Amino acid sequence: MSAEDLEKYETEMELTLYREYRDVVGIFKYVVETDRRFYLCNQVDVKARTEAGDVFFEVSMTDAWVWDMYRPARFAKNVKVLTFKDVNVEELSPSELDLPKD
C-alpha cells in the first residue's frame, strides 16, 4: 500500500466517521473531551481523585459513542476514563444538535 493509498483510506474513514457522528449526535445529551478521545454520552460523572500526591480525573459515562475511526464498534454501554489531563464536559442544547445533512 502506498502512502497515497493510505492517506486516501484515512480520509474516507474520517468522512465516514463524521457522517456517523452527524447521524447519532441527536440522541446524546453530553459531549465529553479528554486528551485522547471525544465522546457523546447521555450520563457523565467526573471525579477528581488524589493518590500519592498526584491528582487525576475519573470520568464515567453511560450510553456512549466514541469518536475513533479505528474502533469497529463505537457504541459502548459504560465507559470509564482515567486521565491526568483536562476533561471538558458540555451539555448539548437542542439547537446545537441541528447539523447540516450534506
PDB file of N, CA and C in Angstrom:
ATOM      1  N   MET A   1       0.851  -1.173   0.000  1.00  0.00           N
ATOM      2  CA  MET A   1       0.000   0.000   0.000  1.00  0.00           C
ATOM      3  C   MET A   1       0.895   1.234   0.000  1.00  0.00           C
ATOM      4  N   SER A   2       0.634   2.142  -0.903  1.00  0.00           N
ATOM      5  CA  SER A   2       1.442   3.351  -0.998  1.00  0.00           C
ATOM      6  C   SER A   2       0.975   4.382   0.036  1.00  0.00           C
ATOM      7  N   ALA A   3       1.794   5.385   0.263  1.00  0.00           N
ATOM      8  CA  ALA A   3       1.445   6.454   1.190  1.00  0.00           C
ATOM      9  C   ALA A   3       0.192   7.180   0.709  1.00  0.00           C
ATOM     10  N   GLU A   4       0.054   7.329  -0.603  1.00  0.00           N
ATOM     11  CA  GLU A   4      -1.123   7.987  -1.168  1.00  0.00           C
ATOM     12  C   GLU A   4      -2.388   7.158  -0.913  1.00  0.00           C
ATOM     13  N   ASP A   5      -2.284   5.835  -1.069  1.00  0.00           N
ATOM     14  CA  ASP A   5      -3.425   4.949  -0.798  1.00  0.00           C
ATOM     15  C   ASP A   5      -3.824   5.012   0.676  1.00  0.00           C
ATOM     16  N   LEU A   6      -2.827   5.037   1.545  1.00  0.00           N
ATOM     17  CA  LEU A   6      -3.100   5.110   2.982  1.00  0.00           C
ATOM     18  C   LEU A   6      -3.776   6.429   3.336  1.00  0.00           C
ATOM     19  N   GLU A   7      -3.310   7.503   2.766  1.00  0.00           N
ATOM     20  CA  GLU A   7      -3.918   8.803   3.024  1.00  0.00           C
ATOM     21  C   GLU A   7      -5.358   8.854   2.524  1.00  0.00           C
ATOM     22  N   LYS A   8      -5.603   8.277   1.350  1.00  0.00           N
ATOM     23  CA  LYS A   8      -6.963   8.235   0.796  1.00  0.00           C
ATOM     24  C   LYS A   8      -7.872   7.394   1.693  1.00  0.00           C
ATOM     25  N   TYR A   9      -7.375   6.261   2.175  1.00  0.00           N
ATOM     26  CA  TYR A   9      -8.144   5.397   3.072  1.00  0.00           C
ATOM     27  C   TYR A   9      -8.501   6.149   4.361  1.00  0.00           C
ATOM     28  N   GLU A  10      -7.520   6.828   4.959  1.00  0.00           N
ATOM     29  CA  GLU A  10      -7.776   7.559   6.202  1.00  0.00           C
ATOM     30  C   GLU A  10      -8.763   8.703   5.986  1.00  0.00           C
ATOM     31  N   THR A  11      -8.684   9.364   4.860  1.00  0.00           N
ATOM     32  CA  THR A  11      -9.627  10.440   4.537  1.00  0.00           C
ATOM     33  C   THR A  11     -11.044   9.891   4.418  1.00  0.00           C
ATOM     34  N   GLU A  12     -11.193   8.756   3.770  1.00  0.00           N
ATOM     35  CA  GLU A  12     -12.513   8.120   3.635  1.00  0.00           C
ATOM     36  C   GLU A  12     -13.045   7.680   5.002  1.00  0.00           C
ATOM     37  N   MET A  13     -12.171   7.150   5.848  1.00  0.00           N
ATOM     38  CA  MET A  13     -12.582   6.726   7.192  1.00  0.00           C
ATOM     39  C   MET A  13     -13.036   7.931   8.022  1.00  0.00           C
ATOM     40  N   GLU A  14     -12.330   9.035   7.942  1.00  0.00           N
ATOM     41  CA  GLU A  14     -12.712  10.247   8.673  1.00  0.00           C
ATOM     42  C   GLU A  14     -14.059  10.781   8.195  1.00  0.00           C
ATOM     43  N   LEU A  15     -14.289  10.749   6.895  1.00  0.00           N
ATOM     44  CA  LEU A  15     -15.567  11.196   6.355  1.00  0.00           C
ATOM     45  C   LEU A  15     -16.696  10.282   6.826  1.00  0.00           C
ATOM     46  N   THR A  16     -16.469   8.989   6.822  1.00  0.00           N
ATOM     47  CA  THR A  16     -17.458   8.034   7.311  1.00  0.00           C
ATOM     48  C   THR A  16     -17.757   8.278   8.786  1.00  0.00           C
ATOM     49  N   LEU A  17     -16.708   8.538   9.574  1.00  0.00           N
ATOM     50  CA  LEU A  17     -16.874   8.807  10.998  1.00  0.00           C
ATOM     51  C   LEU A  17     -17.677  10.090  11.214  1.00  0.00           C
ATOM     52  N   TYR A  18     -17.381  11.125  10.460  1.00  0.00           N
ATOM     53  CA  TYR A  18     -18.133  12.371  10.588  1.00  0.00           C
ATOM     54  C   TYR A  18     -19.611  12.143  10.265  1.00  0.00           C
ATOM     55  N   ARG A  19     -19.872  11.392   9.211  1.00  0.00           N
ATOM     56  CA  ARG A  19     -21.271  11.119   8.848  1.00  0.00           C
ATOM     57  C   ARG A  19     -21.989  10.347   9.951  1.00  0.00           C
ATOM     58  N   GLU A  20     -21.292   9.397  10.561  1.00  0.00           N
ATOM     59  CA  GLU A  20     -21.894   8.652  11.673  1.00  0.00           C
ATOM     60  C   GLU A  20     -22.162   9.595  12.845  1.00  0.00           C
ATOM     61  N   TYR A  21     -21.205  10.453  13.155  1.00  0.00           N
ATOM     62  CA  TYR A  21     -21.387  11.443  14.226  1.00  0.00           C
ATOM     63  C   TYR A  21     -22.618  12.298  13.954  1.00  0.00           C
ATOM     64  N   ARG A  22     -22.731  12.793  12.742  1.00  0.00           N
ATOM     65  CA  ARG A  22     -23.860  13.629  12.349  1.00  0.00           C
ATOM     66  C   ARG A  22     -25.184  12.886  12.542  1.00  0.00           C
ATOM     67  N   ASP A  23     -25.193  11.584  12.278  1.00  0.00           N
ATOM     68  CA  ASP A  23     -26.411  10.783  12.404  1.00  0.00           C
ATOM     69  C   ASP A  23     -26.786  10.484  13.852  1.00  0.00           C
ATOM     70  N   VAL A  24     -25.801  10.402  14.748  1.00  0.00           N
ATOM     71  CA  VAL A  24     -26.093   9.977  16.123  1.00  0.00           C
ATOM     72  C   VAL A  24     -26.097  11.099  17.151  1.00  0.00           C
ATOM     73  N   VAL A  25     -25.549  12.258  16.837  1.00  0.00           N
ATOM     74  CA  VAL A  25     -25.406  13.311  17.842  1.00  0.00           C
ATOM     75  C   VAL A  25     -26.744  13.685  18.483  1.00  0.00           C
ATOM     76  N   GLY A  26     -27.821  13.597  17.757  1.00  0.00           N
ATOM     77  CA  GLY A  26     -29.135  13.968  18.274  1.00  0.00           C
ATOM     78  C   GLY A  26     -29.672  13.083  19.370  1.00  0.00           C
ATOM     79  N   ILE A  27     -29.091  11.913  19.589  1.00  0.00           N
ATOM     80  CA  ILE A  27     -29.591  11.014  20.637  1.00  0.00           C
ATOM     81  C   ILE A  27     -28.778  11.124  21.930  1.00  0.00           C
ATOM     82  N   PHE A  28     -27.834  12.064  21.975  1.00  0.00           N
ATOM     83  CA  PHE A  28     -26.986  12.207  23.155  1.00  0.00           C
ATOM     84  C   PHE A  28     -27.161  13.563  23.815  1.00  0.00           C
ATOM     85  N   LYS A  29     -26.851  13.612  25.111  1.00  0.00           N
ATOM     86  CA  LYS A  29     -27.050  14.814  25.911  1.00  0.00           C
ATOM     87  C   LYS A  29     -25.743  15.570  26.193  1.00  0.00           C
ATOM     88  N   TYR A  30     -24.611  14.859  26.230  1.00  0.00           N
ATOM     89  CA  TYR A  30     -23.335  15.484  26.595  1.00  0.00           C
ATOM     90  C   TYR A  30     -22.248  15.201  25.565  1.00  0.00           C
ATOM     91  N   VAL A  31     -21.319  16.159  25.479  1.00  0.00           N
ATOM     92  CA  VAL A  31     -20.077  15.996  24.742  1.00  0.00           C
ATOM     93  C   VAL A  31     -18.976  15.975  25.796  1.00  0.00           C
ATOM     94  N   VAL A  32     -18.107  14.973  25.736  1.00  0.00           N
ATOM     95  CA  VAL A  32     -17.000  14.860  26.680  1.00  0.00           C
ATOM     96  C   VAL A  32     -15.714  14.771  25.872  1.00  0.00           C
ATOM     97  N   GLU A  33     -14.769  15.639  26.206  1.00  0.00           N
ATOM     98  CA  GLU A  33     -13.490  15.641  25.513  1.00  0.00           C
ATOM     99  C   GLU A  33     -12.379  15.419  26.523  1.00  0.00           C
ATOM    100  N   THR A  34     -11.562  14.404  26.267  1.00  0.00           N
ATOM    101  CA  THR A  34     -10.386  14.137  27.080  1.00  0.00           C
ATOM    102  C   THR A  34      -9.154  14.380  26.213  1.00  0.00           C
ATOM    103  N   ASP A  35      -7.984  14.165  26.765  1.00  0.00           N
ATOM    104  CA  ASP A  35      -6.770  14.377  25.983  1.00  0.00           C
ATOM    105  C   ASP A  35      -6.617  13.374  24.856  1.00  0.00           C
ATOM    106  N   ARG A  36      -7.306  12.245  24.925  1.00  0.00           N
ATOM    107  CA  ARG A  36      -7.150  11.213  23.904  1.00  0.00           C
ATOM    108  C   ARG A  36      -8.374  10.952  23.044  1.00  0.00           C
ATOM    109  N   ARG A  37      -9.573  11.252  23.543  1.00  0.00           N
ATOM    110  CA  ARG A  37     -10.786  10.892  22.819  1.00  0.00           C
ATOM    111  C   ARG A  37     -11.861  11.966  22.959  1.00  0.00           C
ATOM    112  N   PHE A  38     -12.843  11.835  22.087  1.00  0.00           N
ATOM    113  CA  PHE A  38     -14.031  12.683  22.062  1.00  0.00           C
ATOM    114  C   PHE A  38     -15.214  11.731  22.181  1.00  0.00           C
ATOM    115  N   TYR A  39     -16.138  12.015  23.089  1.00  0.00           N
ATOM    116  CA  TYR A  39     -17.274  11.126  23.349  1.00  0.00           C
ATOM    117  C   TYR A  39     -18.581  11.902  23.281  1.00  0.00           C
ATOM    118  N   LEU A  40     -19.634  11.198  22.926  1.00  0.00           N
ATOM    119  CA  LEU A  40     -21.003  11.651  23.124  1.00  0.00           C
ATOM    120  C   LEU A  40     -21.588  10.678  24.138  1.00  0.00           C
ATOM    121  N   CYS A  41     -22.399  11.172  25.077  1.00  0.00           N
ATOM    122  CA  CYS A  41     -23.000  10.259  26.051  1.00  0.00           C
ATOM    123  C   CYS A  41     -24.262  10.872  26.638  1.00  0.00           C
ATOM    124  N   ASN A  42     -25.003  10.044  27.363  1.00  0.00           N
ATOM    125  CA  ASN A  42     -26.232  10.513  27.990  1.00  0.00           C
ATOM    126  C   ASN A  42     -26.085  10.772  29.479  1.00  0.00           C
ATOM    127  N   GLN A  43     -25.076  10.209  30.103  1.00  0.00           N
ATOM    128  CA  GLN A  43     -24.774  10.478  31.506  1.00  0.00           C
ATOM    129  C   GLN A  43     -23.272  10.553  31.650  1.00  0.00           C
ATOM    130  N   VAL A  44     -22.817  11.510  32.464  1.00  0.00           N
ATOM    131  CA  VAL A  44     -21.383  11.639  32.704  1.00  0.00           C
ATOM    132  C   VAL A  44     -21.157  12.067  34.153  1.00  0.00           C
ATOM    133  N   ASP A  45     -20.112  11.521  34.750  1.00  0.00           N
ATOM    134  CA  ASP A  45     -19.730  11.855  36.115  1.00  0.00           C
ATOM    135  C   ASP A  45     -18.214  12.003  36.134  1.00  0.00           C
ATOM    136  N   VAL A  46     -17.736  13.167  36.589  1.00  0.00           N
ATOM    137  CA  VAL A  46     -16.297  13.425  36.664  1.00  0.00           C
ATOM    138  C   VAL A  46     -15.928  13.606  38.127  1.00  0.00           C
ATOM    139  N   LYS A  47     -14.949  12.825  38.580  1.00  0.00           N
ATOM    140  CA  LYS A  47     -14.478  12.920  39.957  1.00  0.00           C
ATOM    141  C   LYS A  47     -12.977  13.160  39.951  1.00  0.00           C
ATOM    142  N   ALA A  48     -12.543  14.144  40.739  1.00  0.00           N
ATOM    143  CA  ALA A  48     -11.114  14.377  40.925  1.00  0.00           C
ATOM    144  C   ALA A  48     -10.639  13.430  42.020  1.00  0.00           C
ATOM    145  N   ARG A  49      -9.570  12.725  41.753  1.00  0.00           N
ATOM    146  CA  ARG A  49      -9.000  11.761  42.709  1.00  0.00           C
ATOM    147  C   ARG A  49      -7.565  12.155  43.029  1.00  0.00           C
ATOM    148  N   THR A  50      -7.132  11.821  44.221  1.00  0.00           N
ATOM    149  CA  THR A  50      -5.750  12.060  44.627  1.00  0.00           C
ATOM    150  C   THR A  50      -5.154  10.755  45.113  1.00  0.00           C
ATOM    151  N   GLU A  51      -3.964  10.457  44.604  1.00  0.00           N
ATOM    152  CA  GLU A  51      -3.258   9.257  45.036  1.00  0.00           C
ATOM    153  C   GLU A  51      -1.766   9.559  45.044  1.00  0.00           C
ATOM    154  N   ALA A  52      -1.139   9.364  46.180  1.00  0.00           N
ATOM    155  CA  ALA A  52       0.293   9.620  46.349  1.00  0.00           C
ATOM    156  C   ALA A  52       0.664  11.039  45.920  1.00  0.00           C
ATOM    157  N   GLY A  53      -0.207  11.993  46.223  1.00  0.00           N
ATOM    158  CA  GLY A  53       0.062  13.385  45.905  1.00  0.00           C
ATOM    159  C   GLY A  53      -0.267  13.799  44.481  1.00  0.00           C
ATOM    160  N   ASP A  54      -0.638  12.857  43.616  1.00  0.00           N
ATOM    161  CA  ASP A  54      -1.000  13.175  42.235  1.00  0.00           C
ATOM    162  C   ASP A  54      -2.515  13.285  42.107  1.00  0.00           C
ATOM    163  N   VAL A  55      -2.958  14.260  41.345  1.00  0.00           N
ATOM    164  CA  VAL A  55      -4.391  14.440  41.088  1.00  0.00           C
ATOM    165  C   VAL A  55      -4.692  13.923  39.693  1.00  0.00           C
ATOM    166  N   PHE A  56      -5.757  13.116  39.594  1.00  0.00           N
ATOM    167  CA  PHE A  56      -6.221  12.652  38.290  1.00  0.00           C
ATOM    168  C   PHE A  56      -7.730  12.678  38.283  1.00  0.00           C
ATOM    169  N   PHE A  57      -8.302  12.516  37.109  1.00  0.00           N
ATOM    170  CA  PHE A  57      -9.749  12.560  36.955  1.00  0.00           C
ATOM    171  C   PHE A  57     -10.268  11.185  36.559  1.00  0.00           C
ATOM    172  N   GLU A  58     -11.361  10.800  37.175  1.00  0.00           N
ATOM    173  CA  GLU A  58     -12.073   9.577  36.816  1.00  0.00           C
ATOM    174  C   GLU A  58     -13.377  10.007  36.158  1.00  0.00           C
ATOM    175  N   VAL A  59     -13.513   9.676  34.893  1.00  0.00           N
ATOM    176  CA  VAL A  59     -14.690  10.068  34.115  1.00  0.00           C
ATOM    177  C   VAL A  59     -15.484   8.808  33.806  1.00  0.00           C
ATOM    178  N   SER A  60     -16.728   8.763  34.257  1.00  0.00           N
ATOM    179  CA  SER A  60     -17.610   7.624  33.982  1.00  0.00           C
ATOM    180  C   SER A  60     -18.744   8.098  33.081  1.00  0.00           C
ATOM    181  N   MET A  61     -18.971   7.345  32.013  1.00  0.00           N
ATOM    182  CA  MET A  61     -20.020   7.695  31.052  1.00  0.00           C
ATOM    183  C   MET A  61     -20.921   6.493  30.805  1.00  0.00           C
ATOM    184  N   THR A  62     -22.184   6.784  30.554  1.00  0.00           N
ATOM    185  CA  THR A  62     -23.172   5.752  30.236  1.00  0.00           C
ATOM    186  C   THR A  62     -23.764   6.053  28.865  1.00  0.00           C
ATOM    187  N   ASP A  63     -24.034   5.005  28.110  1.00  0.00           N
ATOM    188  CA  ASP A  63     -24.587   5.123  26.758  1.00  0.00           C
ATOM    189  C   ASP A  63     -23.726   6.075  25.928  1.00  0.00           C
ATOM    190  N   ALA A  64     -22.528   5.629  25.620  1.00  0.00           N
ATOM    191  CA  ALA A  64     -21.546   6.495  24.967  1.00  0.00           C
ATOM    192  C   ALA A  64     -21.281   6.088  23.524  1.00  0.00           C
ATOM    193  N   TRP A  65     -20.855   7.083  22.766  1.00  0.00           N
ATOM    194  CA  TRP A  65     -20.371   6.900  21.402  1.00  0.00           C
ATOM    195  C   TRP A  65     -18.982   7.507  21.366  1.00  0.00           C
ATOM    196  N   VAL A  66     -18.003   6.786  20.818  1.00  0.00           N
ATOM    197  CA  VAL A  66     -16.605   7.203  20.834  1.00  0.00           C
ATOM    198  C   VAL A  66     -16.161   7.637  19.440  1.00  0.00           C
ATOM    199  N   TRP A  67     -15.563   8.828  19.352  1.00  0.00           N
ATOM    200  CA  TRP A  67     -15.008   9.309  18.082  1.00  0.00           C
ATOM    201  C   TRP A  67     -13.645   8.651  17.919  1.00  0.00           C
ATOM    202  N   ASP A  68     -13.596   7.560  17.200  1.00  0.00           N
ATOM    203  CA  ASP A  68     -12.343   6.833  16.960  1.00  0.00           C
ATOM    204  C   ASP A  68     -12.523   6.009  15.699  1.00  0.00           C
ATOM    205  N   MET A  69     -11.858   6.420  14.620  1.00  0.00           N
ATOM    206  CA  MET A  69     -12.082   5.755  13.339  1.00  0.00           C
ATOM    207  C   MET A  69     -11.499   4.346  13.293  1.00  0.00           C
ATOM    208  N   TYR A  70     -10.677   3.992  14.259  1.00  0.00           N
ATOM    209  CA  TYR A  70     -10.079   2.651  14.250  1.00  0.00           C
ATOM    210  C   TYR A  70     -10.848   1.647  15.107  1.00  0.00           C
ATOM    211  N   ARG A  71     -11.895   2.089  15.792  1.00  0.00           N
ATOM    212  CA  ARG A  71     -12.730   1.180  16.581  1.00  0.00           C
ATOM    213  C   ARG A  71     -13.811   0.591  15.687  1.00  0.00           C
ATOM    214  N   PRO A  72     -13.944  -0.720  15.663  1.00  0.00           N
ATOM    215  CA  PRO A  72     -15.017  -1.315  14.854  1.00  0.00           C
ATOM    216  C   PRO A  72     -16.407  -1.047  15.446  1.00  0.00           C
ATOM    217  N   ALA A  73     -16.500  -0.943  16.775  1.00  0.00           N
ATOM    218  CA  ALA A  73     -17.772  -0.659  17.440  1.00  0.00           C
ATOM    219  C   ALA A  73     -17.595   0.614  18.262  1.00  0.00           C
ATOM    220  N   ARG A  74     -18.288   1.673  17.873  1.00  0.00           N
ATOM    221  CA  ARG A  74     -18.108   2.949  18.558  1.00  0.00           C
ATOM    222  C   ARG A  74     -19.107   3.171  19.686  1.00  0.00           C
ATOM    223  N   PHE A  75     -20.136   2.372  19.778  1.00  0.00           N
ATOM    224  CA  PHE A  75     -21.105   2.487  20.872  1.00  0.00           C
ATOM    225  C   PHE A  75     -20.652   1.633  22.048  1.00  0.00           C
ATOM    226  N   ALA A  76     -20.782   2.188  23.262  1.00  0.00           N
ATOM    227  CA  ALA A  76     -20.424   1.450  24.481  1.00  0.00           C
ATOM    228  C   ALA A  76     -21.451   1.767  25.561  1.00  0.00           C
ATOM    229  N   LYS A  77     -21.859   0.751  26.284  1.00  0.00           N
ATOM    230  CA  LYS A  77     -22.842   0.934  27.355  1.00  0.00           C
ATOM    231  C   LYS A  77     -22.247   1.749  28.498  1.00  0.00           C
ATOM    232  N   ASN A  78     -21.030   1.410  28.917  1.00  0.00           N
ATOM    233  CA  ASN A  78     -20.348   2.106  30.009  1.00  0.00           C
ATOM    234  C   ASN A  78     -18.898   2.345  29.624  1.00  0.00           C
ATOM    235  N   VAL A  79     -18.417   3.539  29.930  1.00  0.00           N
ATOM    236  CA  VAL A  79     -17.023   3.893  29.654  1.00  0.00           C
ATOM    237  C   VAL A  79     -16.452   4.537  30.907  1.00  0.00           C
ATOM    238  N   LYS A  80     -15.226   4.145  31.256  1.00  0.00           N
ATOM    239  CA  LYS A  80     -14.517   4.788  32.353  1.00  0.00           C
ATOM    240  C   LYS A  80     -13.155   5.216  31.832  1.00  0.00           C
ATOM    241  N   VAL A  81     -12.808   6.482  32.073  1.00  0.00           N
ATOM    242  CA  VAL A  81     -11.537   7.043  31.629  1.00  0.00           C
ATOM    243  C   VAL A  81     -10.816   7.595  32.853  1.00  0.00           C
ATOM    244  N   LEU A  82      -9.547   7.278  32.973  1.00  0.00           N
ATOM    245  CA  LEU A  82      -8.690   7.872  33.994  1.00  0.00           C
ATOM    246  C   LEU A  82      -7.663   8.727  33.270  1.00  0.00           C
ATOM    247  N   THR A  83      -7.532   9.990  33.681  1.00  0.00           N
ATOM    248  CA  THR A  83      -6.611  10.884  32.996  1.00  0.00           C
ATOM    249  C   THR A  83      -6.022  11.902  33.966  1.00  0.00           C
ATOM    250  N   PHE A  84      -4.793  12.282  33.701  1.00  0.00           N
ATOM    251  CA  PHE A  84      -4.129  13.342  34.456  1.00  0.00           C
ATOM    252  C   PHE A  84      -4.307  14.693  33.773  1.00  0.00           C
ATOM    253  N   LYS A  85      -4.907  14.692  32.608  1.00  0.00           N
ATOM    254  CA  LYS A  85      -5.072  15.921  31.828  1.00  0.00           C
ATOM    255  C   LYS A  85      -6.490  16.469  31.982  1.00  0.00           C
ATOM    256  N   ASP A  86      -6.728  17.618  31.363  1.00  0.00           N
ATOM    257  CA  ASP A  86      -8.034  18.269  31.451  1.00  0.00           C
ATOM    258  C   ASP A  86      -9.142  17.424  30.835  1.00  0.00           C
ATOM    259  N   VAL A  87     -10.340  17.606  31.374  1.00  0.00           N
ATOM    260  CA  VAL A  87     -11.551  16.976  30.848  1.00  0.00           C
ATOM    261  C   VAL A  87     -12.560  18.090  30.612  1.00  0.00           C
ATOM    262  N   ASN A  88     -13.151  18.111  29.429  1.00  0.00           N
ATOM    263  CA  ASN A  88     -14.157  19.106  29.086  1.00  0.00           C
ATOM    264  C   ASN A  88     -15.499  18.400  28.925  1.00  0.00           C
ATOM    265  N   VAL A  89     -16.514  18.861  29.657  1.00  0.00           N
ATOM    266  CA  VAL A  89     -17.861  18.294  29.562  1.00  0.00           C
ATOM    267  C   VAL A  89     -18.812  19.430  29.201  1.00  0.00           C
ATOM    268  N   GLU A  90     -19.584  19.223  28.150  1.00  0.00           N
ATOM    269  CA  GLU A  90     -20.574  20.213  27.736  1.00  0.00           C
ATOM    270  C   GLU A  90     -21.923  19.532  27.554  1.00  0.00           C
ATOM    271  N   GLU A  91     -22.962  20.193  28.037  1.00  0.00           N
ATOM    272  CA  GLU A  91     -24.315  19.691  27.803  1.00  0.00           C
ATOM    273  C   GLU A  91     -24.793  20.284  26.482  1.00  0.00           C
ATOM    274  N   LEU A  92     -25.268  19.430  25.603  1.00  0.00           N
ATOM    275  CA  LEU A  92     -25.762  19.873  24.306  1.00  0.00           C
ATOM    276  C   LEU A  92     -27.153  20.460  24.457  1.00  0.00           C
ATOM    277  N   SER A  93     -27.383  21.570  23.795  1.00  0.00           N
ATOM    278  CA  SER A  93     -28.733  22.126  23.753  1.00  0.00           C
ATOM    279  C   SER A  93     -29.355  21.682  22.436  1.00  0.00           C
ATOM    280  N   PRO A  94     -30.666  21.633  22.348  1.00  0.00           N
ATOM    281  CA  PRO A  94     -31.312  21.181  21.109  1.00  0.00           C
ATOM    282  C   PRO A  94     -30.862  21.938  19.864  1.00  0.00           C
ATOM    283  N   SER A  95     -30.558  23.234  19.976  1.00  0.00           N
ATOM    284  CA  SER A  95     -30.138  23.990  18.797  1.00  0.00           C
ATOM    285  C   SER A  95     -28.775  23.534  18.297  1.00  0.00           C
ATOM    286  N   GLU A  96     -27.904  23.017  19.184  1.00  0.00           N
ATOM    287  CA  GLU A  96     -26.597  22.532  18.783  1.00  0.00           C
ATOM    288  C   GLU A  96     -26.687  21.206  18.033  1.00  0.00           C
ATOM    289  N   LEU A  97     -27.803  20.541  18.141  1.00  0.00           N
ATOM    290  CA  LEU A  97     -27.950  19.224  17.552  1.00  0.00           C
ATOM    291  C   LEU A  97     -28.327  19.286  16.082  1.00  0.00           C
ATOM    292  N   ASP A  98     -28.694  20.431  15.575  1.00  0.00           N
ATOM    293  CA  ASP A  98     -29.085  20.559  14.174  1.00  0.00           C
ATOM    294  C   ASP A  98     -27.844  20.718  13.298  1.00  0.00           C
ATOM    295  N   LEU A  99     -27.399  19.635  12.713  1.00  0.00           N
ATOM    296  CA  LEU A  99     -26.222  19.663  11.847  1.00  0.00           C
ATOM    297  C   LEU A  99     -26.659  19.615  10.398  1.00  0.00           C
ATOM    298  N   PRO A 100     -25.828  20.136   9.501  1.00  0.00           N
ATOM    299  CA  PRO A 100     -26.187  20.052   8.076  1.00  0.00           C
ATOM    300  C   PRO A 100     -26.223  18.599   7.615  1.00  0.00           C
ATOM    301  N   LYS A 101     -27.102  18.286   6.709  1.00  0.00           N
ATOM    302  CA  LYS A 101     -27.281  16.907   6.248  1.00  0.00           C
ATOM    303  C   LYS A 101     -26.415  16.556   5.038  1.00  0.00           C
ATOM    304  N   ASP A 102     -25.533  17.459   4.628  1.00  0.00           N
ATOM    305  CA  ASP A 102     -24.670  17.217   3.471  1.00  0.00           C
ATOM    306  C   ASP A 102     -23.543  16.268   3.786  1.00  0.00           C
TER     307      ASP A 102
END
